[in-house]
Amino acid sequence: MQYATDDAFINSIVGEGTHFRGHLELAGLLRIDGDFTGSIRSDGKVLVGKNGRADCTIEAATVVIGGVIRGSVYATEKVIVLATGMVLGNIHCPRLIAEPGVLMDGEFAVRGEVATHELETTRGRGKRGAFWLQESRPEQASSVASASLRLGVSSQA
């Protein structure tokens, strides 16, 4: 059966309280409200919800970040970082939209051209540490630098 890949239909979800580790390829919309470690490739949209945490490389058409992401993001259309979002890593996209109040630390290449990247599958070699074991939320941090120091996280993804 063929499913629609528009924004109204969530093809896949990593729910709150779920921990996923590995490589995920999909068409359509992926929503992350739990913890994801690994790599993601999507022809559609990837949404990291307010309570979502992703330690991964994401390659998608559109990426919306409302939670915490540590890693690299490659979008062929745009990246949207919501006010509740925290980015510790690199973003490569033709268009970047960031709401006031976001916390971002990394390199951002916004050049108006399609960003591509060949994903490396981590196969369970994800990073573990205080950042992913604590109940950390972006609103608890006064700045990316202080949040990184407090949580013991290197900003180098």
C-alpha atoms as a PDB file:
ATOM      1  CA  MET A   1       0.000   0.000   0.000  1.00  0.00           C
ATOM      2  CA  GLN A   2       1.343   3.414  -0.968  1.00  0.00           C
ATOM      3  CA  TYR A   3       1.177   6.112   1.716  1.00  0.00           C
ATOM      4  CA  ALA A   4       1.122   9.845   1.197  1.00  0.00           C
ATOM      5  CA  THR A   5       4.284  11.678   2.123  1.00  0.00           C
ATOM      6  CA  ASP A   6       2.769  15.084   2.856  1.00  0.00           C
ATOM      7  CA  ASP A   7       3.119  16.954   6.152  1.00  0.00           C
ATOM      8  CA  ALA A   8      -0.312  15.851   7.378  1.00  0.00           C
ATOM      9  CA  PHE A   9       0.789  12.210   7.650  1.00  0.00           C
ATOM     10  CA  ILE A  10       3.503  11.129  10.092  1.00  0.00           C
ATOM     11  CA  ASN A  11       5.152   8.065   8.575  1.00  0.00           C
ATOM     12  CA  SER A  12       7.360   7.314  11.589  1.00  0.00           C
ATOM     13  CA  ILE A  13       7.644   8.415  15.204  1.00  0.00           C
ATOM     14  CA  VAL A  14      10.141   7.924  18.009  1.00  0.00           C
ATOM     15  CA  GLY A  15       7.862   8.563  20.969  1.00  0.00           C
ATOM     16  CA  GLU A  16       8.685  10.102  24.320  1.00  0.00           C
ATOM     17  CA  GLY A  17      10.398   7.540  26.552  1.00  0.00           C
ATOM     18  CA  THR A  18      11.732   5.647  23.515  1.00  0.00           C
ATOM     19  CA  HIS A  19      15.461   5.255  22.812  1.00  0.00           C
ATOM     20  CA  PHE A  20      16.365   4.416  19.190  1.00  0.00           C
ATOM     21  CA  ARG A  21      19.887   3.683  18.000  1.00  0.00           C
ATOM     22  CA  GLY A  22      20.781   3.024  14.362  1.00  0.00           C
ATOM     23  CA  HIS A  23      20.291   4.171  10.778  1.00  0.00           C
ATOM     24  CA  LEU A  24      16.836   5.161   9.557  1.00  0.00           C
ATOM     25  CA  GLU A  25      15.817   5.797   5.934  1.00  0.00           C
ATOM     26  CA  LEU A  26      12.281   6.892   5.148  1.00  0.00           C
ATOM     27  CA  ALA A  27      10.009   8.871   2.884  1.00  0.00           C
ATOM     28  CA  GLY A  28       7.685  11.361   4.479  1.00  0.00           C
ATOM     29  CA  LEU A  29       7.619  12.807   7.961  1.00  0.00           C
ATOM     30  CA  LEU A  30       9.589  11.526  10.965  1.00  0.00           C
ATOM     31  CA  ARG A  31       8.819  12.960  14.409  1.00  0.00           C
ATOM     32  CA  ILE A  32      11.282  12.477  17.279  1.00  0.00           C
ATOM     33  CA  ASP A  33       9.938  13.021  20.795  1.00  0.00           C
ATOM     34  CA  GLY A  34      12.287  10.517  22.478  1.00  0.00           C
ATOM     35  CA  ASP A  35      16.038   9.887  22.172  1.00  0.00           C
ATOM     36  CA  PHE A  36      17.576   9.072  18.772  1.00  0.00           C
ATOM     37  CA  THR A  37      21.225   8.139  18.184  1.00  0.00           C
ATOM     38  CA  GLY A  38      22.610   7.331  14.741  1.00  0.00           C
ATOM     39  CA  SER A  39      21.736   8.722  11.317  1.00  0.00           C
ATOM     40  CA  ILE A  40      18.578   9.691   9.448  1.00  0.00           C
ATOM     41  CA  ARG A  41      17.934  10.047   5.738  1.00  0.00           C
ATOM     42  CA  SER A  42      14.518  11.250   4.577  1.00  0.00           C
ATOM     43  CA  ASP A  43      13.037  12.567   1.356  1.00  0.00           C
ATOM     44  CA  GLY A  44      10.575  14.540   3.469  1.00  0.00           C
ATOM     45  CA  LYS A  45      10.616  16.327   6.805  1.00  0.00           C
ATOM     46  CA  VAL A  46      12.284  15.445  10.111  1.00  0.00           C
ATOM     47  CA  LEU A  47      10.782  17.059  13.208  1.00  0.00           C
ATOM     48  CA  VAL A  48      12.573  16.969  16.567  1.00  0.00           C
ATOM     49  CA  GLY A  49       9.836  17.786  19.082  1.00  0.00           C
ATOM     50  CA  LYS A  50      10.239  19.903  22.221  1.00  0.00           C
ATOM     51  CA  ASN A  51      11.097  16.829  24.332  1.00  0.00           C
ATOM     52  CA  GLY A  52      13.124  15.119  21.594  1.00  0.00           C
ATOM     53  CA  ARG A  53      16.891  14.642  21.707  1.00  0.00           C
ATOM     54  CA  ALA A  54      18.919  13.562  18.691  1.00  0.00           C
ATOM     55  CA  ASP A  55      22.620  12.695  18.620  1.00  0.00           C
ATOM     56  CA  CYS A  56      22.919  12.061  14.910  1.00  0.00           C
ATOM     57  CA  THR A  57      23.448  13.181  11.352  1.00  0.00           C
ATOM     58  CA  ILE A  58      20.234  14.170   9.596  1.00  0.00           C
ATOM     59  CA  GLU A  59      19.796  14.438   5.838  1.00  0.00           C
ATOM     60  CA  ALA A  60      16.305  15.549   4.777  1.00  0.00           C
ATOM     61  CA  ALA A  61      14.400  18.059   2.679  1.00  0.00           C
ATOM     62  CA  THR A  62      13.241  20.044   5.728  1.00  0.00           C
ATOM     63  CA  VAL A  63      14.336  19.755   9.359  1.00  0.00           C
ATOM     64  CA  VAL A  64      12.402  21.379  12.220  1.00  0.00           C
ATOM     65  CA  ILE A  65      14.201  21.475  15.583  1.00  0.00           C
ATOM     66  CA  GLY A  66      12.158  22.105  18.716  1.00  0.00           C
ATOM     67  CA  GLY A  67      14.257  19.920  21.028  1.00  0.00           C
ATOM     68  CA  VAL A  68      17.976  19.212  21.312  1.00  0.00           C
ATOM     69  CA  ILE A  69      20.203  18.036  18.480  1.00  0.00           C
ATOM     70  CA  ARG A  70      23.901  17.271  18.586  1.00  0.00           C
ATOM     71  CA  GLY A  71      25.368  16.467  15.194  1.00  0.00           C
ATOM     72  CA  SER A  72      25.160  17.645  11.604  1.00  0.00           C
ATOM     73  CA  VAL A  73      22.048  18.608   9.667  1.00  0.00           C
ATOM     74  CA  TYR A  74      21.935  18.633   5.858  1.00  0.00           C
ATOM     75  CA  ALA A  75      18.695  19.993   4.386  1.00  0.00           C
ATOM     76  CA  THR A  76      17.880  20.360   0.698  1.00  0.00           C
ATOM     77  CA  GLU A  77      15.116  22.919   1.378  1.00  0.00           C
ATOM     78  CA  LYS A  78      15.330  24.528   4.832  1.00  0.00           C
ATOM     79  CA  VAL A  79      16.037  24.172   8.543  1.00  0.00           C
ATOM     80  CA  ILE A  80      13.719  25.732  11.121  1.00  0.00           C
ATOM     81  CA  VAL A  81      14.913  26.072  14.726  1.00  0.00           C
ATOM     82  CA  LEU A  82      12.066  26.830  17.125  1.00  0.00           C
ATOM     83  CA  ALA A  83      12.464  28.929  20.295  1.00  0.00           C
ATOM     84  CA  THR A  84      12.669  25.726  22.382  1.00  0.00           C
ATOM     85  CA  GLY A  85      15.430  24.306  20.156  1.00  0.00           C
ATOM     86  CA  MET A  86      19.084  23.755  20.968  1.00  0.00           C
ATOM     87  CA  VAL A  87      21.658  22.911  18.282  1.00  0.00           C
ATOM     88  CA  LEU A  88      25.158  21.697  19.144  1.00  0.00           C
ATOM     89  CA  GLY A  89      26.596  20.963  15.733  1.00  0.00           C
ATOM     90  CA  ASN A  90      26.637  22.009  12.115  1.00  0.00           C
ATOM     91  CA  ILE A  91      23.828  23.017   9.786  1.00  0.00           C
ATOM     92  CA  HIS A  92      24.118  23.013   5.984  1.00  0.00           C
ATOM     93  CA  CYS A  93      21.067  24.263   4.091  1.00  0.00           C
ATOM     94  CA  PRO A  94      19.887  26.758   1.500  1.00  0.00           C
ATOM     95  CA  ARG A  95      17.585  28.484   4.039  1.00  0.00           C
ATOM     96  CA  LEU A  96      17.793  28.765   7.851  1.00  0.00           C
ATOM     97  CA  ILE A  97      14.964  30.113  10.013  1.00  0.00           C
ATOM     98  CA  ALA A  98      15.650  30.596  13.740  1.00  0.00           C
ATOM     99  CA  GLU A  99      13.102  31.901  16.226  1.00  0.00           C
ATOM    100  CA  PRO A 100      14.216  34.302  18.969  1.00  0.00           C
ATOM    101  CA  GLY A 101      15.569  32.461  22.003  1.00  0.00           C
ATOM    102  CA  VAL A 102      17.206  29.499  20.252  1.00  0.00           C
ATOM    103  CA  LEU A 103      20.529  28.184  21.503  1.00  0.00           C
ATOM    104  CA  MET A 104      22.952  27.345  18.685  1.00  0.00           C
ATOM    105  CA  ASP A 105      26.641  26.469  18.733  1.00  0.00           C
ATOM    106  CA  GLY A 106      28.374  25.214  15.609  1.00  0.00           C
ATOM    107  CA  GLU A 107      29.083  26.045  11.999  1.00  0.00           C
ATOM    108  CA  PHE A 108      26.219  27.134   9.778  1.00  0.00           C
ATOM    109  CA  ALA A 109      26.504  27.097   5.983  1.00  0.00           C
ATOM    110  CA  VAL A 110      23.463  28.846   4.524  1.00  0.00           C
ATOM    111  CA  ARG A 111      24.265  29.417   0.885  1.00  0.00           C
ATOM    112  CA  GLY A 112      21.012  29.207  -1.033  1.00  0.00           C
ATOM    113  CA  GLU A 113      22.103  25.939  -2.647  1.00  0.00           C
ATOM    114  CA  VAL A 114      21.186  22.343  -1.936  1.00  0.00           C
ATOM    115  CA  ALA A 115      23.303  20.728   0.808  1.00  0.00           C
ATOM    116  CA  THR A 116      24.304  17.088   0.405  1.00  0.00           C
ATOM    117  CA  HIS A 117      26.273  14.699   2.528  1.00  0.00           C
ATOM    118  CA  GLU A 118      27.081  11.002   2.405  1.00  0.00           C
ATOM    119  CA  LEU A 119      25.903   9.521   5.710  1.00  0.00           C
ATOM    120  CA  GLU A 120      28.087   7.191   7.725  1.00  0.00           C
ATOM    121  CA  THR A 121      26.130   4.600   9.636  1.00  0.00           C
ATOM    122  CA  THR A 122      27.248   4.579  13.264  1.00  0.00           C
ATOM    123  CA  ARG A 123      25.948   1.051  13.936  1.00  0.00           C
ATOM    124  CA  GLY A 124      25.542   1.578  17.663  1.00  0.00           C
ATOM    125  CA  ARG A 125      28.753   3.534  18.188  1.00  0.00           C
ATOM    126  CA  GLY A 126      26.814   6.499  19.496  1.00  0.00           C
ATOM    127  CA  LYS A 127      28.126   8.802  22.158  1.00  0.00           C
ATOM    128  CA  ARG A 128      26.959   8.331  25.733  1.00  0.00           C
ATOM    129  CA  GLY A 129      27.411  10.733  28.550  1.00  0.00           C
ATOM    130  CA  ALA A 130      25.833  13.142  30.956  1.00  0.00           C
ATOM    131  CA  PHE A 131      24.126  15.072  28.162  1.00  0.00           C
ATOM    132  CA  TRP A 132      21.964  12.122  27.152  1.00  0.00           C
ATOM    133  CA  LEU A 133      21.484  10.628  30.602  1.00  0.00           C
ATOM    134  CA  GLN A 134      20.187  13.736  32.349  1.00  0.00           C
ATOM    135  CA  GLU A 135      16.754  15.210  31.824  1.00  0.00           C
ATOM    136  CA  SER A 136      18.202  18.212  30.017  1.00  0.00           C
ATOM    137  CA  ARG A 137      15.965  20.690  28.282  1.00  0.00           C
ATOM    138  CA  PRO A 138      16.900  23.800  26.294  1.00  0.00           C
ATOM    139  CA  GLU A 139      14.883  26.111  28.559  1.00  0.00           C
ATOM    140  CA  GLN A 140      17.162  25.156  31.476  1.00  0.00           C
ATOM    141  CA  ALA A 141      20.200  26.656  29.784  1.00  0.00           C
ATOM    142  CA  SER A 142      21.111  30.335  29.968  1.00  0.00           C
ATOM    143  CA  SER A 143      23.506  29.994  27.038  1.00  0.00           C
ATOM    144  CA  VAL A 144      24.915  27.270  24.835  1.00  0.00           C
ATOM    145  CA  ALA A 145      28.360  27.646  26.383  1.00  0.00           C
ATOM    146  CA  SER A 146      27.112  27.376  29.965  1.00  0.00           C
ATOM    147  CA  ALA A 147      24.781  24.510  29.025  1.00  0.00           C
ATOM    148  CA  SER A 148      27.622  22.637  27.357  1.00  0.00           C
ATOM    149  CA  LEU A 149      29.917  23.126  30.342  1.00  0.00           C
ATOM    150  CA  ARG A 150      27.214  22.222  32.857  1.00  0.00           C
ATOM    151  CA  LEU A 151      26.274  19.070  30.966  1.00  0.00           C
ATOM    152  CA  GLY A 152      29.846  18.059  30.155  1.00  0.00           C
ATOM    153  CA  VAL A 153      29.230  18.158  26.408  1.00  0.00           C
ATOM    154  CA  SER A 154      31.799  19.073  23.819  1.00  0.00           C
ATOM    155  CA  SER A 155      30.315  21.331  21.163  1.00  0.00           C
ATOM    156  CA  GLN A 156      32.326  19.449  18.540  1.00  0.00           C
ATOM    157  CA  ALA A 157      29.860  17.054  16.897  1.00  0.00           C
END
